């Protein structure tokens, strides 16, 4: 099968250098697995509540100032 592939590439004009680049690109990008499980929950639900902001505003408002 490799013989037929090489024969076809010679007829089609695909160089060994181009074939090497293609193999390298497949090696780099084909193996990476992206875990989408972390993104199934919306970002707003994954974030912790910012309770400090509300307390800071209450302190400022209690002093009669504006933020």
C-alpha atoms as a PDB file:
ATOM      1  CA  UNK A   1       0.000   0.000   0.000  1.00  0.00           C
ATOM      2  CA  UNK A   2       2.872   2.365   0.784  1.00  0.00           C
ATOM      3  CA  UNK A   3       4.271   1.603  -2.660  1.00  0.00           C
ATOM      4  CA  UNK A   4       1.045   2.761  -4.318  1.00  0.00           C
ATOM      5  CA  UNK A   5       0.992   5.878  -2.154  1.00  0.00           C
ATOM      6  CA  UNK A   6       4.570   6.773  -3.093  1.00  0.00           C
ATOM      7  CA  UNK A   7       3.827   6.098  -6.765  1.00  0.00           C
ATOM      8  CA  UNK A   8       0.769   8.358  -6.669  1.00  0.00           C
ATOM      9  CA  UNK A   9       2.712  11.117  -4.915  1.00  0.00           C
ATOM     10  CA  UNK A  10       5.422  11.015  -7.588  1.00  0.00           C
ATOM     11  CA  UNK A  11       2.840  11.326 -10.351  1.00  0.00           C
ATOM     12  CA  UNK A  12       0.940  14.080  -8.510  1.00  0.00           C
ATOM     13  CA  UNK A  13       4.169  15.980  -7.836  1.00  0.00           C
ATOM     14  CA  UNK A  14       4.162  15.793  -4.047  1.00  0.00           C
ATOM     15  CA  UNK A  15       7.721  16.091  -2.772  1.00  0.00           C
ATOM     16  CA  UNK A  16       9.275  14.219   0.140  1.00  0.00           C
ATOM     17  CA  UNK A  17       9.744  17.548   1.931  1.00  0.00           C
ATOM     18  CA  UNK A  18       6.027  18.286   1.701  1.00  0.00           C
ATOM     19  CA  UNK A  19       5.203  14.801   2.940  1.00  0.00           C
ATOM     20  CA  UNK A  20       7.581  15.272   5.897  1.00  0.00           C
ATOM     21  CA  UNK A  21       5.940  18.594   6.789  1.00  0.00           C
ATOM     22  CA  UNK A  22       2.491  16.981   6.648  1.00  0.00           C
ATOM     23  CA  UNK A  23       3.588  14.136   8.918  1.00  0.00           C
ATOM     24  CA  UNK A  24       5.103  16.609  11.390  1.00  0.00           C
ATOM     25  CA  UNK A  25       1.910  18.702  11.433  1.00  0.00           C
ATOM     26  CA  UNK A  26      -0.177  15.595  12.081  1.00  0.00           C
ATOM     27  CA  UNK A  27       2.142  14.549  14.882  1.00  0.00           C
ATOM     28  CA  UNK A  28       1.910  17.955  16.549  1.00  0.00           C
ATOM     29  CA  UNK A  29      -1.796  18.679  16.189  1.00  0.00           C
ATOM     30  CA  UNK A  30      -3.522  15.298  15.949  1.00  0.00           C
ATOM     31  CA  UNK A  31      -2.535  14.057  19.404  1.00  0.00           C
ATOM     32  CA  UNK A  32      -3.845  16.984  21.422  1.00  0.00           C
ATOM     33  CA  UNK A  33      -7.072  16.231  23.188  1.00  0.00           C
ATOM     34  CA  UNK A  34      -9.174  19.141  24.381  1.00  0.00           C
ATOM     35  CA  UNK A  35     -11.253  18.464  27.458  1.00  0.00           C
ATOM     36  CA  UNK A  36     -14.597  20.193  26.969  1.00  0.00           C
ATOM     37  CA  UNK A  37     -16.104  18.831  30.179  1.00  0.00           C
ATOM     38  CA  UNK A  38     -14.943  21.897  32.115  1.00  0.00           C
ATOM     39  CA  UNK A  39     -16.918  24.161  29.772  1.00  0.00           C
ATOM     40  CA  UNK A  40     -20.226  22.333  30.028  1.00  0.00           C
ATOM     41  CA  UNK A  41     -21.120  24.494  33.044  1.00  0.00           C
ATOM     42  CA  UNK A  42     -21.596  28.193  32.213  1.00  0.00           C
ATOM     43  CA  UNK A  43     -18.767  30.460  33.368  1.00  0.00           C
ATOM     44  CA  UNK A  44     -21.059  32.509  35.603  1.00  0.00           C
ATOM     45  CA  UNK A  45     -21.887  29.341  37.566  1.00  0.00           C
ATOM     46  CA  UNK A  46     -18.208  28.341  37.877  1.00  0.00           C
ATOM     47  CA  UNK A  47     -17.134  31.678  39.375  1.00  0.00           C
ATOM     48  CA  UNK A  48     -17.194  32.264  43.093  1.00  0.00           C
ATOM     49  CA  UNK A  49     -19.525  34.971  44.350  1.00  0.00           C
ATOM     50  CA  UNK A  50     -17.819  38.294  45.007  1.00  0.00           C
ATOM     51  CA  UNK A  51     -19.219  39.074  48.431  1.00  0.00           C
ATOM     52  CA  UNK A  52     -16.418  41.457  49.348  1.00  0.00           C
ATOM     53  CA  UNK A  53     -17.677  44.089  46.903  1.00  0.00           C
ATOM     54  CA  UNK A  54     -21.115  44.278  48.528  1.00  0.00           C
ATOM     55  CA  UNK A  55     -19.591  44.637  51.994  1.00  0.00           C
ATOM     56  CA  UNK A  56     -17.248  47.403  50.764  1.00  0.00           C
ATOM     57  CA  UNK A  57     -20.153  49.336  49.253  1.00  0.00           C
ATOM     58  CA  UNK A  58     -22.136  49.056  52.485  1.00  0.00           C
ATOM     59  CA  UNK A  59     -19.185  50.435  54.488  1.00  0.00           C
ATOM     60  CA  UNK A  60     -18.793  53.392  52.124  1.00  0.00           C
ATOM     61  CA  UNK A  61     -22.508  54.113  52.093  1.00  0.00           C
ATOM     62  CA  UNK A  62     -22.628  53.896  55.917  1.00  0.00           C
ATOM     63  CA  UNK A  63     -20.001  56.647  56.096  1.00  0.00           C
ATOM     64  CA  UNK A  64     -22.136  58.783  53.801  1.00  0.00           C
ATOM     65  CA  UNK A  65     -19.732  58.711  50.872  1.00  0.00           C
ATOM     66  CA  UNK A  66     -20.109  57.625  47.343  1.00  0.00           C
ATOM     67  CA  UNK A  67     -18.012  55.108  45.581  1.00  0.00           C
END
